[in-house]
Structure formats: structure tokens, C-alpha cells
Amino acid sequence: MLKVVGADSLEDLISQTLPASIRQPHPLNTGAAMSEAEALDFLRGLGQGQRLARRVDRATRFGSGIASYRP
């Protein structure tokens, strides 16, 4: 695939594709690799402390604009 797009390496492809201004300068510290089951357990654990909104109209609506706007 790299030959098809004209890149010498994956790093070269990324450099050609993503501007340096939005690239992270160092690798992410993601920890040890997990199996799918371990990852699901981990994600479920993250959600344990979360609570659901009781009513839909109280839920946060990021990106939905101003709901009460009427021209």
C-alpha cells in the first residue's frame, strides 16, 4: 500500500498526510495490550461511576445548537 500512495514508510505517509501542528510529538502512553474481553471490562469499569440523566431534556446536547431558538 505504501508504494501505491508513494510513501517510503508509515512515518513518511503520516508526515505527508497530517500537518505537524496537529501531530502529537511523542507516542501515547497506552499501557500494555489488552484482549477484547479485557478492554470491555476496562471500559465498563470507567462507566461505573457515571449516572444517567433522569429525563432526556436534562441530558447534555453538545453540538446541537440553540434548541429554543425561534426566528
N, C-alpha and C. Protein backbone atom coordinates (compact mmCIF):
# COMPACT_ATOMS: atom_id res chain seq x y z
N MET A 1 0.83 -1.19 0.00
CA MET A 1 0.00 0.00 0.00
C MET A 1 0.87 1.25 0.00
N LEU A 2 1.96 1.24 0.74
CA LEU A 2 2.82 2.42 0.79
C LEU A 2 3.36 2.77 -0.60
N LYS A 3 3.71 1.75 -1.38
CA LYS A 3 4.20 2.00 -2.74
C LYS A 3 3.13 2.67 -3.59
N VAL A 4 1.87 2.23 -3.42
CA VAL A 4 0.76 2.77 -4.21
C VAL A 4 0.57 4.26 -3.94
N VAL A 5 0.70 4.67 -2.68
CA VAL A 5 0.49 6.09 -2.34
C VAL A 5 1.78 6.90 -2.40
N GLY A 6 2.91 6.25 -2.72
CA GLY A 6 4.16 6.98 -2.91
C GLY A 6 4.87 7.33 -1.62
N ALA A 7 4.72 6.53 -0.59
CA ALA A 7 5.40 6.77 0.67
C ALA A 7 6.44 5.69 0.92
N ASP A 8 7.55 6.07 1.54
CA ASP A 8 8.61 5.11 1.84
C ASP A 8 8.35 4.31 3.11
N SER A 9 7.59 4.88 4.03
CA SER A 9 7.32 4.22 5.30
C SER A 9 6.00 4.76 5.86
N LEU A 10 5.53 4.14 6.92
CA LEU A 10 4.31 4.62 7.57
C LEU A 10 4.53 6.02 8.13
N GLU A 11 5.69 6.26 8.71
CA GLU A 11 6.02 7.59 9.23
C GLU A 11 6.00 8.62 8.11
N ASP A 12 6.54 8.27 6.94
CA ASP A 12 6.53 9.17 5.78
C ASP A 12 5.09 9.47 5.34
N LEU A 13 4.24 8.45 5.31
CA LEU A 13 2.83 8.64 4.94
C LEU A 13 2.14 9.59 5.92
N ILE A 14 2.36 9.38 7.20
CA ILE A 14 1.75 10.24 8.22
C ILE A 14 2.25 11.67 8.07
N SER A 15 3.55 11.83 7.83
CA SER A 15 4.11 13.18 7.65
C SER A 15 3.52 13.88 6.44
N GLN A 16 3.24 13.12 5.38
CA GLN A 16 2.64 13.71 4.19
C GLN A 16 1.16 14.04 4.39
N THR A 17 0.51 13.33 5.30
CA THR A 17 -0.93 13.44 5.46
C THR A 17 -1.36 14.43 6.55
N LEU A 18 -0.70 14.36 7.70
CA LEU A 18 -1.08 15.21 8.84
C LEU A 18 -0.11 16.36 9.02
N PRO A 19 -0.61 17.57 9.14
CA PRO A 19 0.27 18.71 9.41
C PRO A 19 0.96 18.54 10.77
N ALA A 20 2.20 18.98 10.85
CA ALA A 20 2.96 18.86 12.09
C ALA A 20 2.27 19.58 13.25
N SER A 21 1.51 20.62 12.95
CA SER A 21 0.85 21.40 14.00
C SER A 21 -0.21 20.61 14.77
N ILE A 22 -0.74 19.53 14.17
CA ILE A 22 -1.76 18.75 14.88
C ILE A 22 -1.26 17.38 15.30
N ARG A 23 -0.02 17.06 14.99
CA ARG A 23 0.55 15.76 15.38
C ARG A 23 1.06 15.83 16.81
N GLN A 24 0.87 14.76 17.55
CA GLN A 24 1.41 14.68 18.90
C GLN A 24 2.90 14.38 18.78
N PRO A 25 3.74 15.13 19.49
CA PRO A 25 5.18 14.97 19.30
C PRO A 25 5.76 13.67 19.89
N HIS A 26 5.04 13.01 20.76
CA HIS A 26 5.55 11.78 21.36
C HIS A 26 4.45 10.72 21.37
N PRO A 27 4.82 9.46 21.44
CA PRO A 27 3.82 8.38 21.42
C PRO A 27 2.90 8.44 22.64
N LEU A 28 1.67 7.98 22.47
CA LEU A 28 0.73 7.91 23.59
C LEU A 28 1.16 6.81 24.55
N ASN A 29 0.94 7.03 25.84
CA ASN A 29 1.22 6.02 26.84
C ASN A 29 -0.07 5.22 27.03
N THR A 30 -0.25 4.20 26.23
CA THR A 30 -1.49 3.44 26.26
C THR A 30 -1.44 2.22 27.17
N GLY A 31 -0.30 1.94 27.76
CA GLY A 31 -0.20 0.79 28.65
C GLY A 31 -0.06 -0.50 27.85
N ALA A 32 -0.16 -1.60 28.58
CA ALA A 32 0.01 -2.92 27.96
C ALA A 32 -1.19 -3.25 27.07
N ALA A 33 -0.94 -4.09 26.08
CA ALA A 33 -2.02 -4.52 25.19
C ALA A 33 -3.04 -5.34 25.97
N MET A 34 -4.31 -5.26 25.57
CA MET A 34 -5.40 -5.99 26.22
C MET A 34 -6.14 -6.82 25.18
N SER A 35 -6.73 -7.90 25.65
CA SER A 35 -7.62 -8.66 24.79
C SER A 35 -8.93 -7.88 24.67
N GLU A 36 -9.79 -8.30 23.77
CA GLU A 36 -11.08 -7.63 23.62
C GLU A 36 -11.89 -7.70 24.91
N ALA A 37 -11.89 -8.86 25.56
CA ALA A 37 -12.64 -9.02 26.82
C ALA A 37 -12.08 -8.11 27.90
N GLU A 38 -10.75 -8.03 27.99
CA GLU A 38 -10.13 -7.15 28.99
C GLU A 38 -10.46 -5.68 28.71
N ALA A 39 -10.44 -5.29 27.44
CA ALA A 39 -10.77 -3.91 27.08
C ALA A 39 -12.21 -3.58 27.42
N LEU A 40 -13.14 -4.51 27.16
CA LEU A 40 -14.54 -4.27 27.51
C LEU A 40 -14.73 -4.14 29.01
N ASP A 41 -14.06 -4.99 29.79
CA ASP A 41 -14.12 -4.89 31.25
C ASP A 41 -13.58 -3.54 31.72
N PHE A 42 -12.47 -3.11 31.12
CA PHE A 42 -11.87 -1.83 31.47
C PHE A 42 -12.83 -0.68 31.19
N LEU A 43 -13.44 -0.70 30.00
CA LEU A 43 -14.38 0.37 29.64
C LEU A 43 -15.62 0.36 30.52
N ARG A 44 -16.11 -0.84 30.87
CA ARG A 44 -17.25 -0.92 31.78
C ARG A 44 -16.89 -0.32 33.14
N GLY A 45 -15.68 -0.57 33.59
CA GLY A 45 -15.20 0.00 34.85
C GLY A 45 -15.17 1.51 34.83
N LEU A 46 -14.80 2.08 33.68
CA LEU A 46 -14.79 3.54 33.56
C LEU A 46 -16.20 4.11 33.71
N GLY A 47 -17.18 3.37 33.22
CA GLY A 47 -18.56 3.84 33.26
C GLY A 47 -19.26 3.60 34.59
N GLN A 48 -18.65 2.86 35.49
CA GLN A 48 -19.29 2.54 36.76
C GLN A 48 -19.69 3.78 37.57
N GLY A 49 -18.87 4.81 37.54
CA GLY A 49 -19.15 6.00 38.33
C GLY A 49 -20.08 6.99 37.66
N GLN A 50 -20.48 6.72 36.43
CA GLN A 50 -21.34 7.64 35.70
C GLN A 50 -22.80 7.39 36.05
N ARG A 51 -23.60 8.44 36.02
CA ARG A 51 -25.03 8.26 36.23
C ARG A 51 -25.78 8.82 35.03
N LEU A 52 -26.88 8.22 34.71
CA LEU A 52 -27.67 8.65 33.57
C LEU A 52 -28.60 9.79 33.95
N ALA A 53 -28.87 10.67 33.02
CA ALA A 53 -29.84 11.73 33.25
C ALA A 53 -31.22 11.10 33.40
N ARG A 54 -32.03 11.62 34.32
CA ARG A 54 -33.35 11.05 34.55
C ARG A 54 -34.32 11.36 33.42
N ARG A 55 -34.18 12.52 32.85
CA ARG A 55 -35.07 12.89 31.75
C ARG A 55 -34.23 13.28 30.55
N VAL A 56 -34.71 13.00 29.38
CA VAL A 56 -33.97 13.28 28.15
C VAL A 56 -33.69 14.76 28.01
N ASP A 57 -34.63 15.62 28.39
CA ASP A 57 -34.42 17.06 28.21
C ASP A 57 -33.36 17.62 29.14
N ARG A 58 -32.93 16.85 30.13
CA ARG A 58 -31.85 17.29 31.01
C ARG A 58 -30.49 16.80 30.55
N ALA A 59 -30.49 15.93 29.56
CA ALA A 59 -29.22 15.39 29.05
C ALA A 59 -28.46 16.49 28.32
N THR A 60 -27.16 16.42 28.37
CA THR A 60 -26.33 17.39 27.67
C THR A 60 -26.42 17.12 26.17
N ARG A 61 -26.52 18.19 25.41
CA ARG A 61 -26.64 18.05 23.96
C ARG A 61 -25.53 18.85 23.28
N PHE A 62 -24.32 18.38 23.38
CA PHE A 62 -23.20 19.08 22.75
C PHE A 62 -23.40 19.11 21.24
N GLY A 63 -23.17 20.25 20.66
CA GLY A 63 -23.22 20.37 19.21
C GLY A 63 -24.61 20.46 18.61
N SER A 64 -25.64 20.54 19.44
CA SER A 64 -26.99 20.57 18.88
C SER A 64 -27.48 21.98 18.61
N GLY A 65 -26.70 22.97 18.94
CA GLY A 65 -27.12 24.35 18.68
C GLY A 65 -28.06 24.84 19.77
N ILE A 66 -28.74 25.92 19.50
CA ILE A 66 -29.65 26.50 20.47
C ILE A 66 -31.03 25.93 20.21
N ALA A 67 -31.49 25.05 21.11
CA ALA A 67 -32.75 24.34 20.90
C ALA A 67 -33.96 25.25 20.98
N SER A 68 -33.88 26.31 21.76
CA SER A 68 -35.05 27.16 21.97
C SER A 68 -35.12 28.32 20.96
N TYR A 69 -34.21 28.39 20.04
CA TYR A 69 -34.18 29.48 19.06
C TYR A 69 -35.37 29.39 18.11
N ARG A 70 -36.09 30.48 17.98
CA ARG A 70 -37.20 30.56 17.04
C ARG A 70 -37.08 31.91 16.31
N PRO A 71 -36.89 31.90 14.99
CA PRO A 71 -36.72 33.17 14.26
C PRO A 71 -38.00 33.97 14.20
